[in-house]
C-alpha atoms as a PDB file:
ATOM      1  CA  MET A   1      13.095 -24.250  20.777  1.00  0.00           C
ATOM      2  CA  THR A   2       9.649 -25.722  22.485  1.00  0.00           C
ATOM      3  CA  THR A   3       6.145 -24.698  21.687  1.00  0.00           C
ATOM      4  CA  MET A   4       5.808 -22.600  24.967  1.00  0.00           C
ATOM      5  CA  ALA A   5       8.920 -20.476  24.002  1.00  0.00           C
ATOM      6  CA  LEU A   6       7.966 -19.970  20.510  1.00  0.00           C
ATOM      7  CA  MET A   7       4.453 -18.735  21.550  1.00  0.00           C
ATOM      8  CA  THR A   8       6.038 -16.587  24.401  1.00  0.00           C
ATOM      9  CA  LEU A   9       8.125 -15.082  21.714  1.00  0.00           C
ATOM     10  CA  ILE A  10       5.475 -14.462  19.165  1.00  0.00           C
ATOM     11  CA  THR A  11       3.239 -12.783  21.966  1.00  0.00           C
ATOM     12  CA  LEU A  12       5.906 -10.572  22.909  1.00  0.00           C
ATOM     13  CA  ALA A  13       6.676  -9.500  19.256  1.00  0.00           C
ATOM     14  CA  PHE A  14       2.906  -8.773  18.611  1.00  0.00           C
ATOM     15  CA  PHE A  15       2.627  -6.794  21.950  1.00  0.00           C
ATOM     16  CA  ALA A  16       6.056  -4.801  20.832  1.00  0.00           C
ATOM     17  CA  SER A  17       4.664  -4.034  17.279  1.00  0.00           C
ATOM     18  CA  CYS A  18       1.303  -2.381  19.190  1.00  0.00           C
ATOM     19  CA  GLN A  19       1.178   0.967  19.638  1.00  0.00           C
ATOM     20  CA  LEU A  20      -1.090   2.123  22.360  1.00  0.00           C
ATOM     21  CA  GLU A  21      -1.771   6.168  22.517  1.00  0.00           C
ATOM     22  CA  MET A  22      -1.583   7.100  26.122  1.00  0.00           C
ATOM     23  CA  SER A  23      -2.679   9.710  27.489  1.00  0.00           C
ATOM     24  CA  ARG A  24      -0.132  12.148  28.982  1.00  0.00           C
ATOM     25  CA  ASN A  25      -2.693  14.349  30.896  1.00  0.00           C
ATOM     26  CA  LYS A  26      -2.002  12.706  34.335  1.00  0.00           C
ATOM     27  CA  LYS A  27      -3.761  14.853  37.409  1.00  0.00           C
ATOM     28  CA  LEU A  28      -5.835  16.597  34.492  1.00  0.00           C
ATOM     29  CA  ASP A  29      -7.810  13.568  33.115  1.00  0.00           C
ATOM     30  CA  GLY A  30     -10.979  12.858  35.102  1.00  0.00           C
ATOM     31  CA  TYR A  31     -14.260  14.135  36.100  1.00  0.00           C
ATOM     32  CA  TRP A  32     -14.065  17.925  37.816  1.00  0.00           C
ATOM     33  CA  ARG A  33     -17.235  19.839  39.327  1.00  0.00           C
ATOM     34  CA  LEU A  34     -16.972  23.673  38.725  1.00  0.00           C
ATOM     35  CA  GLN A  35     -17.598  25.281  41.979  1.00  0.00           C
ATOM     36  CA  GLN A  36     -16.755  28.729  41.755  1.00  0.00           C
ATOM     37  CA  ILE A  37     -16.184  31.409  39.210  1.00  0.00           C
ATOM     38  CA  ASP A  38     -14.325  34.451  40.166  1.00  0.00           C
ATOM     39  CA  THR A  39     -14.371  37.756  37.613  1.00  0.00           C
ATOM     40  CA  ILE A  40     -10.943  38.628  37.358  1.00  0.00           C
ATOM     41  CA  GLY A  41     -11.607  42.550  36.310  1.00  0.00           C
ATOM     42  CA  THR A  42     -14.336  43.097  38.982  1.00  0.00           C
ATOM     43  CA  ALA A  43     -12.919  40.702  41.704  1.00  0.00           C
ATOM     44  CA  GLY A  44     -16.508  39.475  41.768  1.00  0.00           C
ATOM     45  CA  VAL A  45     -17.164  35.620  43.093  1.00  0.00           C
ATOM     46  CA  ASN A  46     -19.682  33.244  42.036  1.00  0.00           C
ATOM     47  CA  THR A  47     -19.863  30.230  44.088  1.00  0.00           C
ATOM     48  CA  ILE A  48     -23.102  28.962  41.582  1.00  0.00           C
ATOM     49  CA  GLU A  49     -24.584  27.205  44.249  1.00  0.00           C
ATOM     50  CA  GLY A  50     -27.379  24.989  43.395  1.00  0.00           C
ATOM     51  CA  MET A  51     -25.597  24.536  40.095  1.00  0.00           C
ATOM     52  CA  ARG A  52     -24.149  21.121  39.090  1.00  0.00           C
ATOM     53  CA  ILE A  53     -21.288  21.679  35.893  1.00  0.00           C
ATOM     54  CA  PHE A  54     -18.824  19.034  35.162  1.00  0.00           C
ATOM     55  CA  TRP A  55     -15.695  19.423  32.894  1.00  0.00           C
ATOM     56  CA  ALA A  56     -14.472  15.568  32.349  1.00  0.00           C
ATOM     57  CA  PHE A  57     -10.877  15.593  30.675  1.00  0.00           C
ATOM     58  CA  GLN A  58     -10.072  12.489  29.021  1.00  0.00           C
ATOM     59  CA  HIS A  59      -6.874  12.284  26.319  1.00  0.00           C
ATOM     60  CA  LYS A  60      -7.572  15.137  23.938  1.00  0.00           C
ATOM     61  CA  LEU A  61     -11.476  15.461  24.210  1.00  0.00           C
ATOM     62  CA  LEU A  62     -13.307  17.722  26.937  1.00  0.00           C
ATOM     63  CA  GLU A  63     -16.703  17.196  27.595  1.00  0.00           C
ATOM     64  CA  MET A  64     -18.721  20.173  29.720  1.00  0.00           C
ATOM     65  CA  LYS A  65     -22.009  19.577  30.870  1.00  0.00           C
ATOM     66  CA  ASP A  66     -24.665  20.816  33.296  1.00  0.00           C
ATOM     67  CA  ILE A  67     -26.304  17.619  35.542  1.00  0.00           C
ATOM     68  CA  ASN A  68     -29.146  19.748  35.561  1.00  0.00           C
ATOM     69  CA  ASP A  69     -29.984  20.467  32.169  1.00  0.00           C
ATOM     70  CA  ARG A  70     -30.191  24.022  32.046  1.00  0.00           C
ATOM     71  CA  VAL A  71     -27.774  24.204  28.727  1.00  0.00           C
ATOM     72  CA  SER A  72     -26.496  21.780  26.199  1.00  0.00           C
ATOM     73  CA  LYS A  73     -23.712  19.593  26.925  1.00  0.00           C
ATOM     74  CA  CYS A  74     -20.301  20.749  24.839  1.00  0.00           C
ATOM     75  CA  LEU A  75     -17.669  18.736  23.479  1.00  0.00           C
ATOM     76  CA  LEU A  76     -13.969  20.270  22.946  1.00  0.00           C
ATOM     77  CA  ARG A  77     -10.607  19.366  21.902  1.00  0.00           C
ATOM     78  CA  PHE A  78      -8.120  20.536  24.218  1.00  0.00           C
ATOM     79  CA  GLU A  79      -3.947  20.526  24.347  1.00  0.00           C
ATOM     80  CA  ARG A  80      -2.065  20.689  27.293  1.00  0.00           C
ATOM     81  CA  GLU A  81       1.364  22.256  27.618  1.00  0.00           C
ATOM     82  CA  GLY A  82       2.873  22.896  31.069  1.00  0.00           C
ATOM     83  CA  ASP A  83       0.616  25.075  32.813  1.00  0.00           C
ATOM     84  CA  SER A  84      -1.316  26.037  29.623  1.00  0.00           C
ATOM     85  CA  LEU A  85      -4.528  24.688  28.353  1.00  0.00           C
ATOM     86  CA  LEU A  86      -5.865  25.654  24.944  1.00  0.00           C
ATOM     87  CA  LEU A  87      -9.634  24.882  24.259  1.00  0.00           C
ATOM     88  CA  SER A  88     -10.782  24.548  20.758  1.00  0.00           C
ATOM     89  CA  GLN A  89     -13.145  23.159  18.029  1.00  0.00           C
ATOM     90  CA  PRO A  90     -16.306  23.129  20.592  1.00  0.00           C
ATOM     91  CA  TYR A  91     -19.389  21.086  19.562  1.00  0.00           C
ATOM     92  CA  LEU A  92     -22.695  20.850  20.646  1.00  0.00           C
ATOM     93  CA  TYR A  93     -23.280  17.279  21.633  1.00  0.00           C
ATOM     94  CA  ASP A  94     -26.102  15.569  20.011  1.00  0.00           C
ATOM     95  CA  ARG A  95     -25.381  11.854  18.950  1.00  0.00           C
ATOM     96  CA  GLU A  96     -28.785  11.094  17.634  1.00  0.00           C
ATOM     97  CA  HIS A  97     -28.601  13.648  14.742  1.00  0.00           C
ATOM     98  CA  GLY A  98     -24.773  14.562  14.732  1.00  0.00           C
ATOM     99  CA  ASP A  99     -22.714  16.631  17.040  1.00  0.00           C
ATOM    100  CA  GLN A 100     -22.931  20.405  15.696  1.00  0.00           C
ATOM    101  CA  PRO A 101     -20.027  23.125  15.698  1.00  0.00           C
ATOM    102  CA  ILE A 102     -20.727  25.562  18.150  1.00  0.00           C
ATOM    103  CA  THR A 103     -19.977  29.210  16.208  1.00  0.00           C
ATOM    104  CA  ASN A 104     -21.209  31.669  18.764  1.00  0.00           C
ATOM    105  CA  THR A 105     -20.084  31.570  22.566  1.00  0.00           C
ATOM    106  CA  ASP A 106     -23.519  31.895  24.157  1.00  0.00           C
ATOM    107  CA  VAL A 107     -23.783  28.423  25.448  1.00  0.00           C
ATOM    108  CA  LEU A 108     -19.898  28.258  26.440  1.00  0.00           C
ATOM    109  CA  LYS A 109     -20.299  31.165  28.784  1.00  0.00           C
ATOM    110  CA  TYR A 110     -22.321  29.369  30.844  1.00  0.00           C
ATOM    111  CA  TYR A 111     -19.465  26.944  31.381  1.00  0.00           C
ATOM    112  CA  GLY A 112     -16.954  29.770  32.233  1.00  0.00           C
ATOM    113  CA  VAL A 113     -15.417  29.860  28.604  1.00  0.00           C
ATOM    114  CA  ASN A 114     -15.156  33.112  26.452  1.00  0.00           C
ATOM    115  CA  SER A 115     -14.039  32.296  23.104  1.00  0.00           C
ATOM    116  CA  LEU A 116     -14.250  29.634  20.618  1.00  0.00           C
ATOM    117  CA  ASN A 117     -10.616  29.075  21.160  1.00  0.00           C
ATOM    118  CA  GLU A 118      -9.917  29.612  24.812  1.00  0.00           C
ATOM    119  CA  HIS A 119      -6.921  29.819  26.729  1.00  0.00           C
ATOM    120  CA  PHE A 120      -6.359  29.039  30.296  1.00  0.00           C
ATOM    121  CA  ARG A 121      -3.140  29.309  32.699  1.00  0.00           C
ATOM    122  CA  ILE A 122      -3.288  26.145  35.080  1.00  0.00           C
ATOM    123  CA  ASP A 123      -2.810  27.966  38.372  1.00  0.00           C
ATOM    124  CA  ASN A 124      -3.101  24.782  40.739  1.00  0.00           C
ATOM    125  CA  LEU A 125      -3.536  20.982  39.718  1.00  0.00           C
ATOM    126  CA  THR A 126      -3.630  18.397  42.156  1.00  0.00           C
ATOM    127  CA  SER A 127      -4.967  14.989  42.682  1.00  0.00           C
ATOM    128  CA  SER A 128      -8.248  16.757  44.098  1.00  0.00           C
ATOM    129  CA  HIS A 129      -8.602  20.481  43.013  1.00  0.00           C
ATOM    130  CA  MET A 130      -7.820  22.650  39.858  1.00  0.00           C
ATOM    131  CA  VAL A 131      -7.663  26.334  39.415  1.00  0.00           C
ATOM    132  CA  LEU A 132      -7.803  27.605  35.890  1.00  0.00           C
ATOM    133  CA  SER A 133      -7.890  31.493  34.837  1.00  0.00           C
ATOM    134  CA  SER A 134      -8.365  32.802  31.556  1.00  0.00           C
ATOM    135  CA  ARG A 135      -7.929  36.990  30.955  1.00  0.00           C
ATOM    136  CA  ARG A 136     -11.572  37.110  32.152  1.00  0.00           C
ATOM    137  CA  TYR A 137     -12.163  34.189  34.860  1.00  0.00           C
ATOM    138  CA  ARG A 138     -10.809  32.203  37.506  1.00  0.00           C
ATOM    139  CA  LEU A 139     -12.406  28.715  37.770  1.00  0.00           C
ATOM    140  CA  HIS A 140     -12.247  26.546  40.513  1.00  0.00           C
ATOM    141  CA  PHE A 141     -12.720  22.982  40.926  1.00  0.00           C
ATOM    142  CA  VAL A 142     -12.926  19.800  42.703  1.00  0.00           C
ATOM    143  CA  LYS A 143     -12.321  16.523  41.350  1.00  0.00           C
ATOM    144  CA  PHE A 144     -15.417  14.150  41.737  1.00  0.00           C
END
């Protein structure tokens, strides 16, 4: 066996032994701008003009932030199963002092989330638009 063939074999064995955890979120992963919040019970529509609220999905972590800094940035875990999206374990983002668990929903409501463990149905998800519905709200996003 030549040195080149041996090196190739060792390299292939190395890569075969490594397991990279890949995201299965496909179109969900990325940076989404919240454009509209519909209140389901009253049929109210809030186009949230002047607000710049973003949700960023990556692997199993969701970051919610207001670019205008009107409210604290939040981190949450999420699980996606088919058309179901479950948000849980919310934290206030604070890298200097340590992220703090959120114990009430005041800051989350600003982002359209009403409970510490919120369930959304994915009504629509394309490479550029997403609509999520909870019992109370329908959230409309555009991919940024």
